[in-house]
Amino acid sequence: MTKRSKTVRLPDHQTMKAIKSPAGWQSCSLAVMMVLLFTSPAQTQESLVDIPEGHWSESATYELVSLGVTKGFPDGTFQGDKYLNRYETASFLARFSQSLNLRRAKEEKLLEEFKSELAWLEYQRSRSDKLFGGINSRAIVSTSQPDGAKMDYRLKMSWEKEFDHETKARINLDTMDAFYNSALSRKSTSQLLDFEGDFRLGIFKGKAILGPGSIVHTEESTVFPSEDYSVFSRPRTGLLLSTQLGSLSFLFNHQIRRFNSNDTIDLNETAVKIKYGQEALAVYLQPRVIYEWGGSGDALLDLGLDIKPSSFFSTQLLLSTSSLSYDVSALYFRIIEEINDPHNTGTKVVVSLDRVGTNYRRASFGCNDLIALNNFNRYILDGTVDFGFKLRQKLLHKLSLDLQSDYVVTDDYNYGQAYPGTYFLWQLGLGYDFSPNLALEYFYRQYEVPSGVDQFSNQVAKSSGLFGLACRAAF
């Protein structure tokens, strides 16, 4: 029986020179591993005299020969037209199984030997600097004032450097309203930029932040009252430490909430969050202390419950008390219910309720952002109840309908002309996603303030609306 040989081409001088470099050696190592994994170990094969070159079964037959499943008959033939009996079938399958087990064992051994090289290459890939971000631009037109129109944009960029697996630094730029709102002056270093650093300290994961905190936008005129007093959420200067012990997690968070005019620290917040549970059910306790250096302070206690029985439904409950008081006026309650397309119809719904007592926050501290913002990035003030609603409905593959609203009443659920600060704000939009990084939305927004007085006691139109076109691009 003759042997079928395979030709192996040796690398030339330039190839050998490239292999000697560190990067070339690692690439060559991976290439060798791939060849060993996905080619037959045999470099010579038995030649079967009754399988002529080019026969339709040639490649399949010699694959079985290379695996050691068959060698043909002693006379050098394969006898492909002959029927197999049960004994031959059993022998054939046994050798096939043995060959697969042997090959699998060799592959696992090779993968184990190259694990360190693969890990090193993955680490090198992840260490590369990253630059990413996006820009949101809008054109809006007032429906109540013919000459009322404006264009704005918001640029967000981040540069990230990873030093090792758990240590990295990030610089973030957020222009907010700095370049189109002449009524305000934004300081580039203290308001437009923020810095983050991730590190590990023993069993704790840490994050150090240098940032401006929440920034309030105010309009230059009264043309677009629904835009006035919207809030840009930004990182706040502070330190976070977290750790996980089984189902129990701990989070320490210290933030600087206010600086004096001479840039010295004035107001601080320190919180410790203890959470127990898994994704389906978790409960947490979070005491918080807000205090001035050498001055007064306030204490809050948060009790929370997160319920997620399935990927389609989730509920978040939060009860918070100020100054450890059980007076209703010092309580804050929140409930959020999310429904995530349970019937595969492209429907997502979020319903929320926030009720804030009249004495929940100390007015002198000015900590309106102790509570999450509503759907239109507005503060939820003390003595109010905010009913929030969000709906996203997929119409076509890339086309969707978006509806969101906030209905704000007093803490005893009154709304109307006799109740300043109450309002109803809603927006309906039609969005088209050209790609994961580019989207366009056409929307209409209506703002109803029956008393003509907004949250911050400013005179506004009782009814106003606007049309808008927004474009969102990411890179």
Protein backbone atom coordinates (compact mmCIF):
# COMPACT_ATOMS: atom_id res chain seq x y z
CA MET A 1 0.00 0.00 0.00
CA THR A 2 1.45 3.40 -0.98
CA LYS A 3 1.58 6.54 1.17
CA ARG A 4 -0.20 9.84 0.43
CA SER A 5 2.10 12.68 1.51
CA LYS A 6 1.39 16.35 2.25
CA THR A 7 3.80 19.12 1.26
CA VAL A 8 4.92 21.54 4.00
CA ARG A 9 6.37 24.91 2.87
CA LEU A 10 9.13 26.34 5.07
CA PRO A 11 8.98 30.06 6.04
CA ASP A 12 11.21 32.44 4.12
CA HIS A 13 13.79 34.85 5.60
CA GLN A 14 11.33 37.77 6.11
CA THR A 15 8.81 35.51 7.83
CA MET A 16 11.45 34.17 10.24
CA LYS A 17 12.53 37.74 11.03
CA ALA A 18 8.96 38.73 11.92
CA ILE A 19 8.50 35.64 14.10
CA LYS A 20 11.51 36.60 16.23
CA SER A 21 9.75 39.77 17.46
CA PRO A 22 7.56 39.44 20.66
CA ALA A 23 4.34 40.25 18.82
CA GLY A 24 5.33 37.95 15.97
CA TRP A 25 6.12 35.12 18.38
CA GLN A 26 2.71 35.40 20.05
CA SER A 27 0.91 35.52 16.69
CA CYS A 28 2.96 32.56 15.46
CA SER A 29 2.14 30.62 18.63
CA LEU A 30 -1.58 31.14 18.09
CA ALA A 31 -1.25 30.18 14.45
CA VAL A 32 0.52 26.95 15.37
CA MET A 33 -2.17 26.19 17.91
CA MET A 34 -4.92 26.71 15.34
CA VAL A 35 -3.14 24.43 12.88
CA LEU A 36 -2.73 21.72 15.50
CA LEU A 37 -6.35 22.01 16.59
CA PHE A 38 -8.02 22.00 13.22
CA THR A 39 -5.79 19.78 11.05
CA SER A 40 -5.33 16.04 11.17
CA PRO A 41 -2.32 14.89 13.22
CA ALA A 42 -1.27 12.47 10.51
CA GLN A 43 0.96 13.87 7.78
CA THR A 44 0.92 10.62 5.75
CA GLN A 45 -2.06 8.49 4.88
CA GLU A 46 -2.60 5.00 3.49
CA SER A 47 -3.45 5.03 -0.23
CA LEU A 48 -6.38 2.82 -1.24
CA VAL A 49 -6.00 1.38 -4.72
CA ASP A 50 -9.74 1.28 -5.51
CA ILE A 51 -10.30 4.98 -4.61
CA PRO A 52 -9.02 6.80 -7.68
CA GLU A 53 -7.92 10.41 -7.44
CA GLY A 54 -10.91 12.73 -7.90
CA HIS A 55 -13.47 10.12 -6.82
CA TRP A 56 -16.54 11.73 -5.19
CA SER A 57 -15.87 9.88 -1.89
CA GLU A 58 -12.11 10.50 -1.82
CA SER A 59 -11.97 13.29 0.80
CA ALA A 60 -14.47 11.61 3.15
CA THR A 61 -12.77 8.21 2.91
CA TYR A 62 -9.27 9.53 3.61
CA GLU A 63 -10.62 11.61 6.51
CA LEU A 64 -11.69 8.33 8.15
CA VAL A 65 -8.26 6.86 7.38
CA SER A 66 -6.52 9.87 8.98
CA LEU A 67 -8.65 9.48 12.10
CA GLY A 68 -7.65 5.81 12.41
CA VAL A 69 -11.20 4.61 11.95
CA THR A 70 -10.29 2.37 8.98
CA LYS A 71 -7.20 1.27 7.05
CA GLY A 72 -8.99 -0.64 4.35
CA PHE A 73 -8.46 -4.35 3.65
CA PRO A 74 -5.05 -6.12 3.68
CA ASP A 75 -4.93 -6.11 -0.11
CA GLY A 76 -4.96 -2.27 -0.14
CA THR A 77 -8.58 -1.88 -1.21
CA PHE A 78 -11.49 -0.12 0.47
CA GLN A 79 -14.28 -2.11 -1.20
CA GLY A 80 -16.78 0.69 -0.99
CA ASP A 81 -19.58 -1.33 -2.60
CA LYS A 82 -19.46 -4.03 0.09
CA TYR A 83 -22.19 -4.10 2.78
CA LEU A 84 -21.17 -3.86 6.50
CA ASN A 85 -22.27 -6.55 8.93
CA ARG A 86 -23.07 -5.80 12.59
CA TYR A 87 -19.58 -6.82 13.79
CA GLU A 88 -17.86 -4.49 11.33
CA THR A 89 -20.27 -1.69 12.20
CA ALA A 90 -19.53 -2.07 15.93
CA SER A 91 -15.76 -2.06 15.29
CA PHE A 92 -16.10 0.97 13.00
CA LEU A 93 -18.08 3.02 15.56
CA ALA A 94 -15.78 2.05 18.45
CA ARG A 95 -12.69 3.25 16.56
CA PHE A 96 -14.51 6.45 15.55
CA SER A 97 -15.44 7.21 19.19
CA GLN A 98 -11.91 6.45 20.37
CA SER A 99 -10.46 8.77 17.71
CA LEU A 100 -12.77 11.62 18.73
CA ASN A 101 -11.93 11.21 22.43
CA LEU A 102 -8.20 11.19 21.66
CA ARG A 103 -8.49 14.31 19.51
CA ARG A 104 -10.58 16.08 22.14
CA ALA A 105 -7.98 15.32 24.81
CA LYS A 106 -5.20 16.73 22.61
CA GLU A 107 -7.20 19.89 21.91
CA GLU A 108 -7.89 20.46 25.61
CA LYS A 109 -4.21 19.98 26.40
CA LEU A 110 -3.19 22.48 23.73
CA LEU A 111 -5.75 25.02 24.93
CA GLU A 112 -4.49 24.68 28.49
CA GLU A 113 -0.89 25.16 27.37
CA PHE A 114 -1.77 28.31 25.39
CA LYS A 115 -4.08 29.78 28.05
CA SER A 116 -1.46 32.19 29.37
CA GLU A 117 -0.66 33.46 25.85
CA LEU A 118 -4.35 34.00 25.10
CA ALA A 119 -4.87 35.81 28.42
CA TRP A 120 -1.86 38.05 27.74
CA LEU A 121 -3.13 38.99 24.28
CA GLU A 122 -6.61 39.77 25.66
CA TYR A 123 -5.06 41.92 28.37
CA GLN A 124 -2.98 43.81 25.78
CA ARG A 125 -6.09 44.40 23.64
CA SER A 126 -8.11 45.73 26.57
CA ARG A 127 -5.32 48.09 27.68
CA SER A 128 -5.53 50.18 24.56
CA ASP A 129 -6.84 53.72 25.01
CA LYS A 130 -10.52 54.22 24.23
CA LEU A 131 -12.21 57.33 22.89
CA PHE A 132 -15.99 57.28 22.58
CA GLY A 133 -19.01 59.54 22.91
CA GLY A 134 -21.94 61.04 21.09
CA ILE A 135 -23.73 64.20 20.07
CA ASN A 136 -27.42 65.06 20.45
CA SER A 137 -28.72 67.94 18.35
CA ARG A 138 -32.24 69.40 18.20
CA ALA A 139 -34.31 71.97 16.37
CA ILE A 140 -37.52 73.04 18.17
CA VAL A 141 -40.33 75.42 17.22
CA SER A 142 -42.94 76.92 19.55
CA THR A 143 -46.60 76.43 18.64
CA SER A 144 -47.73 79.47 20.61
CA GLN A 145 -45.14 82.06 19.49
CA PRO A 146 -44.60 82.25 15.70
CA ASP A 147 -41.05 83.55 15.99
CA GLY A 148 -40.09 81.09 18.70
CA ALA A 149 -37.47 78.66 17.40
CA LYS A 150 -34.01 77.50 18.39
CA MET A 151 -31.35 74.89 17.73
CA ASP A 152 -29.12 73.32 20.33
CA TYR A 153 -26.72 70.44 20.77
CA ARG A 154 -24.99 68.49 23.50
CA LEU A 155 -21.60 66.84 22.95
CA LYS A 156 -20.41 64.08 25.29
CA MET A 157 -16.95 62.51 24.94
CA SER A 158 -14.92 60.14 27.10
CA TRP A 159 -11.27 59.13 26.99
CA GLU A 160 -10.41 56.01 28.97
CA LYS A 161 -7.03 54.54 29.86
CA GLU A 162 -6.74 51.07 31.40
CA PHE A 163 -3.57 50.41 33.39
CA ASP A 164 -4.40 46.87 34.47
CA HIS A 165 -7.43 44.63 34.87
CA GLU A 166 -8.88 46.65 37.78
CA THR A 167 -7.24 50.07 37.47
CA LYS A 168 -8.33 52.65 34.91
CA ALA A 169 -8.86 56.39 34.51
CA ARG A 170 -11.46 58.28 32.51
CA ILE A 171 -11.86 61.92 31.49
CA ASN A 172 -15.38 62.99 30.45
CA LEU A 173 -16.45 66.08 28.54
CA ASP A 174 -20.10 67.20 28.58
CA THR A 175 -20.90 70.51 26.91
CA MET A 176 -24.48 70.57 28.27
CA ASP A 177 -25.82 74.02 27.23
CA ALA A 178 -22.47 75.83 27.30
CA PHE A 179 -22.24 76.86 23.65
CA TYR A 180 -25.78 77.88 22.81
CA ASN A 181 -27.15 79.44 26.03
CA SER A 182 -25.80 82.97 26.38
CA ALA A 183 -27.69 83.46 29.64
CA LEU A 184 -25.21 81.23 31.47
CA SER A 185 -21.45 81.00 31.73
CA ARG A 186 -20.05 77.49 32.20
CA LYS A 187 -16.55 77.04 33.62
CA SER A 188 -14.75 74.53 31.39
CA THR A 189 -12.63 72.85 34.07
CA SER A 190 -15.14 72.69 36.92
CA GLN A 191 -18.42 72.20 35.04
CA LEU A 192 -17.76 70.76 31.57
CA LEU A 193 -15.16 68.18 32.61
CA ASP A 194 -15.25 65.39 35.17
CA PHE A 195 -12.71 62.71 36.11
CA GLU A 196 -13.11 59.12 37.29
CA GLY A 197 -10.60 56.57 38.54
CA ASP A 198 -11.28 52.88 39.26
CA PHE A 199 -9.03 50.91 41.60
CA ARG A 200 -8.98 47.98 44.03
CA LEU A 201 -8.23 48.27 47.74
CA GLY A 202 -8.07 44.78 49.27
CA ILE A 203 -11.54 43.26 49.03
CA PHE A 204 -13.04 46.60 47.95
CA LYS A 205 -13.58 47.97 44.47
CA GLY A 206 -13.15 51.72 44.52
CA LYS A 207 -14.03 54.72 42.39
CA ALA A 208 -12.77 58.26 42.92
CA ILE A 209 -14.74 61.03 41.20
CA LEU A 210 -14.07 64.70 40.60
CA GLY A 211 -17.15 66.31 39.07
CA PRO A 212 -19.59 69.21 39.28
CA GLY A 213 -22.77 67.34 40.28
CA SER A 214 -26.19 68.29 38.91
CA ILE A 215 -26.35 71.40 36.70
CA VAL A 216 -29.65 73.28 36.26
CA HIS A 217 -30.50 74.70 32.83
CA THR A 218 -32.42 77.98 32.62
CA GLU A 219 -33.92 79.47 29.46
CA GLU A 220 -32.96 82.87 28.07
CA SER A 221 -36.63 83.73 27.46
CA THR A 222 -40.14 82.49 28.22
CA VAL A 223 -40.67 80.98 24.76
CA PHE A 224 -40.03 77.39 25.87
CA PRO A 225 -41.15 77.07 29.52
CA SER A 226 -41.03 73.25 29.39
CA GLU A 227 -37.26 73.53 28.86
CA ASP A 228 -36.73 75.80 31.87
CA TYR A 229 -35.19 74.26 35.01
CA SER A 230 -34.38 70.95 33.36
CA VAL A 231 -31.35 69.30 34.96
CA PHE A 232 -28.13 67.86 33.53
CA SER A 233 -27.13 64.86 35.67
CA ARG A 234 -23.36 64.91 36.18
CA PRO A 235 -21.03 62.96 38.49
CA ARG A 236 -20.43 64.51 41.90
CA THR A 237 -17.03 64.73 43.61
CA GLY A 238 -16.67 61.83 46.02
CA LEU A 239 -15.39 58.35 46.83
CA LEU A 240 -17.17 54.99 46.46
CA LEU A 241 -16.06 51.65 47.94
CA SER A 242 -18.00 48.42 47.31
CA THR A 243 -17.62 44.72 48.03
CA GLN A 244 -19.65 41.54 47.63
CA LEU A 245 -19.84 38.64 50.11
CA GLY A 246 -22.12 36.00 48.64
CA SER A 247 -25.64 37.44 48.55
CA LEU A 248 -24.61 40.39 50.73
CA SER A 249 -23.18 43.58 49.20
CA PHE A 250 -21.84 46.75 50.82
CA LEU A 251 -21.45 50.23 49.34
CA PHE A 252 -19.79 53.19 51.05
CA ASN A 253 -20.38 56.54 49.34
CA HIS A 254 -19.03 59.92 50.38
CA GLN A 255 -19.93 62.99 48.29
CA ILE A 256 -19.11 66.68 48.50
CA ARG A 257 -22.41 68.43 47.86
CA ARG A 258 -21.46 72.08 48.14
CA PHE A 259 -18.41 74.32 48.13
CA ASN A 260 -18.01 77.77 49.65
CA SER A 261 -17.24 80.80 47.49
CA ASN A 262 -13.52 80.29 48.26
CA ASP A 263 -13.74 76.67 46.97
CA THR A 264 -13.56 75.09 50.43
CA ILE A 265 -15.86 72.18 51.30
CA ASP A 266 -19.14 73.26 52.89
CA LEU A 267 -21.73 70.45 52.62
CA ASN A 268 -21.08 66.68 52.68
CA GLU A 269 -23.09 63.48 52.34
CA THR A 270 -22.02 60.07 53.64
CA ALA A 271 -24.04 56.93 52.98
CA VAL A 272 -23.66 53.20 53.62
CA LYS A 273 -25.84 50.82 51.59
CA ILE A 274 -26.28 47.22 52.67
CA LYS A 275 -28.09 44.99 50.18
CA TYR A 276 -29.10 41.34 50.51
CA GLY A 277 -30.58 39.10 47.85
CA GLN A 278 -30.33 37.97 44.26
CA GLU A 279 -31.67 39.36 41.00
CA ALA A 280 -35.19 38.00 41.58
CA LEU A 281 -35.57 39.50 45.08
CA ALA A 282 -33.34 41.92 46.97
CA VAL A 283 -33.80 44.18 49.98
CA TYR A 284 -31.53 47.01 51.07
CA LEU A 285 -30.99 49.46 53.92
CA GLN A 286 -29.18 52.77 53.41
CA PRO A 287 -28.59 55.32 56.19
CA ARG A 288 -27.42 58.73 54.91
CA VAL A 289 -26.04 61.72 56.76
CA ILE A 290 -25.88 65.24 55.27
CA TYR A 291 -23.86 67.74 57.27
CA GLU A 292 -22.05 71.06 57.12
CA TRP A 293 -18.50 71.46 58.41
CA GLY A 294 -18.95 72.74 61.95
CA GLY A 295 -22.66 73.28 61.38
CA SER A 296 -25.99 71.51 61.33
CA GLY A 297 -26.79 68.12 59.84
CA ASP A 298 -29.62 65.85 58.83
CA ALA A 299 -30.07 62.08 58.72
CA LEU A 300 -32.10 60.01 56.27
CA LEU A 301 -32.88 56.29 56.22
CA ASP A 302 -33.78 54.45 53.00
CA LEU A 303 -35.51 51.06 52.93
CA GLY A 304 -35.77 49.45 49.50
CA LEU A 305 -37.14 46.31 47.89
CA ASP A 306 -36.38 45.15 44.32
CA ILE A 307 -38.56 42.39 42.84
CA LYS A 308 -37.89 40.78 39.45
CA PRO A 309 -39.85 37.53 39.06
CA SER A 310 -38.92 37.29 35.35
CA SER A 311 -37.21 39.21 32.58
CA PHE A 312 -40.63 40.66 31.65
CA PHE A 313 -41.66 42.27 34.96
CA SER A 314 -39.86 44.17 37.72
CA THR A 315 -40.91 46.30 40.69
CA GLN A 316 -38.86 48.76 42.75
CA LEU A 317 -40.09 50.04 46.11
CA LEU A 318 -38.42 52.72 48.23
CA LEU A 319 -39.44 54.26 51.56
CA SER A 320 -37.25 57.01 53.00
CA THR A 321 -37.55 59.04 56.17
CA SER A 322 -35.85 62.31 57.09
CA SER A 323 -34.38 62.95 60.56
CA LEU A 324 -35.53 59.43 61.46
CA SER A 325 -39.03 60.79 61.85
CA TYR A 326 -42.23 58.82 61.23
CA ASP A 327 -44.22 61.97 60.46
CA VAL A 328 -45.87 61.64 57.03
CA SER A 329 -44.56 65.08 56.04
CA ALA A 330 -40.97 63.77 56.45
CA LEU A 331 -41.45 60.65 54.30
CA TYR A 332 -40.60 59.93 50.69
CA PHE A 333 -42.15 56.98 48.85
CA ARG A 334 -41.39 55.68 45.36
CA ILE A 335 -42.69 52.75 43.32
CA ILE A 336 -41.60 51.83 39.78
CA GLU A 337 -43.23 49.08 37.73
CA GLU A 338 -41.58 47.94 34.49
CA ILE A 339 -43.20 45.71 31.86
CA ASN A 340 -40.74 44.55 29.22
CA ASP A 341 -42.54 43.10 26.18
CA PRO A 342 -44.11 39.96 27.80
CA HIS A 343 -46.11 39.07 24.67
CA ASN A 344 -43.34 39.75 22.14
CA THR A 345 -45.26 42.66 20.60
CA GLY A 346 -42.45 45.23 20.96
CA THR A 347 -44.17 46.97 23.90
CA LYS A 348 -42.26 48.37 26.89
CA VAL A 349 -44.01 50.28 29.70
CA VAL A 350 -42.65 52.01 32.81
CA VAL A 351 -45.05 53.42 35.41
CA SER A 352 -43.78 55.35 38.44
CA LEU A 353 -45.13 57.17 41.50
CA ASP A 354 -43.07 59.54 43.67
CA ARG A 355 -44.62 61.11 46.75
CA VAL A 356 -42.48 63.60 48.72
CA GLY A 357 -43.52 64.99 52.08
CA THR A 358 -43.44 68.74 52.68
CA ASN A 359 -40.58 68.43 55.22
CA TYR A 360 -38.53 65.63 53.68
CA ARG A 361 -35.49 67.76 52.74
CA ARG A 362 -34.00 70.63 54.70
CA ALA A 363 -34.50 73.71 52.51
CA SER A 364 -31.24 75.37 53.59
CA PHE A 365 -29.22 72.44 52.19
CA GLY A 366 -30.71 72.80 48.69
CA CYS A 367 -30.37 69.07 47.96
CA ASN A 368 -33.12 68.68 45.39
CA ASP A 369 -31.20 65.84 43.72
CA LEU A 370 -31.53 63.56 46.76
CA ILE A 371 -34.45 62.20 44.72
CA ALA A 372 -34.16 60.90 41.16
CA LEU A 373 -35.30 63.19 38.34
CA ASN A 374 -38.62 62.63 36.57
CA ASN A 375 -39.05 61.66 32.90
CA PHE A 376 -38.26 65.20 31.69
CA ASN A 377 -35.14 65.59 33.86
CA ARG A 378 -36.91 67.86 36.32
CA TYR A 379 -36.67 67.94 40.09
CA ILE A 380 -39.46 66.37 42.14
CA LEU A 381 -39.93 68.91 44.93
CA ASP A 382 -41.11 68.51 48.51
CA GLY A 383 -44.88 68.57 48.96
CA THR A 384 -45.61 67.07 45.52
CA VAL A 385 -46.63 63.77 43.94
CA ASP A 386 -45.30 62.87 40.49
CA PHE A 387 -47.08 60.25 38.36
CA GLY A 388 -44.70 59.16 35.60
CA PHE A 389 -45.45 57.12 32.50
CA LYS A 390 -43.27 55.89 29.62
CA LEU A 391 -44.27 53.76 26.64
CA ARG A 392 -42.18 52.50 23.73
CA GLN A 393 -43.94 50.61 20.97
CA LYS A 394 -42.09 49.05 18.06
CA LEU A 395 -44.01 49.72 14.86
CA LEU A 396 -41.53 48.32 12.34
CA HIS A 397 -38.03 46.89 12.56
CA LYS A 398 -36.42 50.32 12.98
CA LEU A 399 -39.45 52.52 13.61
CA SER A 400 -40.87 53.10 17.09
CA LEU A 401 -43.45 55.25 18.88
CA ASP A 402 -42.47 56.89 22.19
CA LEU A 403 -44.81 58.46 24.73
CA GLN A 404 -43.77 59.90 28.09
CA SER A 405 -45.50 62.08 30.64
CA ASP A 406 -45.34 63.50 34.16
CA TYR A 407 -48.49 64.53 36.02
CA VAL A 408 -47.52 66.55 39.11
CA VAL A 409 -50.00 67.32 41.93
CA THR A 410 -49.76 68.42 45.55
CA ASP A 411 -48.97 65.90 48.29
CA ASP A 412 -52.72 65.67 49.04
CA TYR A 413 -53.39 64.96 45.32
CA ASN A 414 -54.83 68.32 44.25
CA TYR A 415 -54.31 69.78 40.76
CA GLY A 416 -55.58 72.91 39.09
CA GLN A 417 -55.64 76.68 38.96
CA ALA A 418 -55.72 77.05 42.74
CA TYR A 419 -52.57 74.94 43.22
CA PRO A 420 -49.35 76.64 42.04
CA GLY A 421 -46.56 74.31 40.94
CA THR A 422 -48.86 71.58 39.66
CA TYR A 423 -48.46 70.72 35.98
CA PHE A 424 -48.95 68.12 33.26
CA LEU A 425 -46.13 67.60 30.77
CA TRP A 426 -46.25 65.01 27.99
CA GLN A 427 -44.40 64.23 24.76
CA LEU A 428 -45.17 61.98 21.79
CA GLY A 429 -42.40 61.05 19.38
CA LEU A 430 -41.77 58.93 16.31
CA GLY A 431 -38.22 57.60 16.10
CA TYR A 432 -36.23 55.83 13.41
CA ASP A 433 -32.98 53.96 14.14
CA PHE A 434 -30.78 54.04 11.05
CA SER A 435 -28.16 52.02 12.93
CA PRO A 436 -27.14 51.35 16.55
CA ASN A 437 -25.16 54.61 16.40
CA LEU A 438 -27.56 56.89 14.54
CA ALA A 439 -31.21 57.74 15.28
CA LEU A 440 -33.70 60.43 14.31
CA GLU A 441 -36.85 61.46 16.21
CA TYR A 442 -39.72 63.81 15.40
CA PHE A 443 -41.73 64.80 18.48
CA TYR A 444 -44.46 67.03 19.89
CA ARG A 445 -44.51 68.26 23.51
CA GLN A 446 -47.33 69.89 25.49
CA TYR A 447 -46.91 71.69 28.85
CA GLU A 448 -49.99 72.53 30.95
CA VAL A 449 -49.67 74.72 34.08
CA PRO A 450 -53.27 75.57 35.12
CA SER A 451 -52.21 78.09 37.79
CA GLY A 452 -49.73 79.92 35.53
CA VAL A 453 -47.08 79.50 38.26
CA ASP A 454 -44.36 76.83 37.86
CA GLN A 455 -42.50 74.77 40.46
CA PHE A 456 -40.15 77.60 41.34
CA SER A 457 -42.86 80.28 41.61
CA ASN A 458 -42.21 81.80 38.17
CA GLN A 459 -45.01 83.14 35.97
CA VAL A 460 -45.39 80.95 32.85
CA ALA A 461 -47.93 80.41 30.11
CA LYS A 462 -50.79 78.19 31.22
CA SER A 463 -50.52 76.16 28.02
CA SER A 464 -47.58 75.87 25.63
CA GLY A 465 -46.37 73.41 23.05
CA LEU A 466 -43.50 72.74 20.69
CA PHE A 467 -42.50 70.59 17.74
CA GLY A 468 -39.01 69.22 17.55
CA LEU A 469 -36.60 67.20 15.43
CA ALA A 470 -33.75 65.45 17.25
CA CYS A 471 -30.75 63.55 15.95
CA ARG A 472 -28.58 61.29 18.11
CA ALA A 473 -25.23 60.01 16.88
CA ALA A 474 -22.66 57.92 18.78
CA PHE A 475 -19.03 57.08 18.01
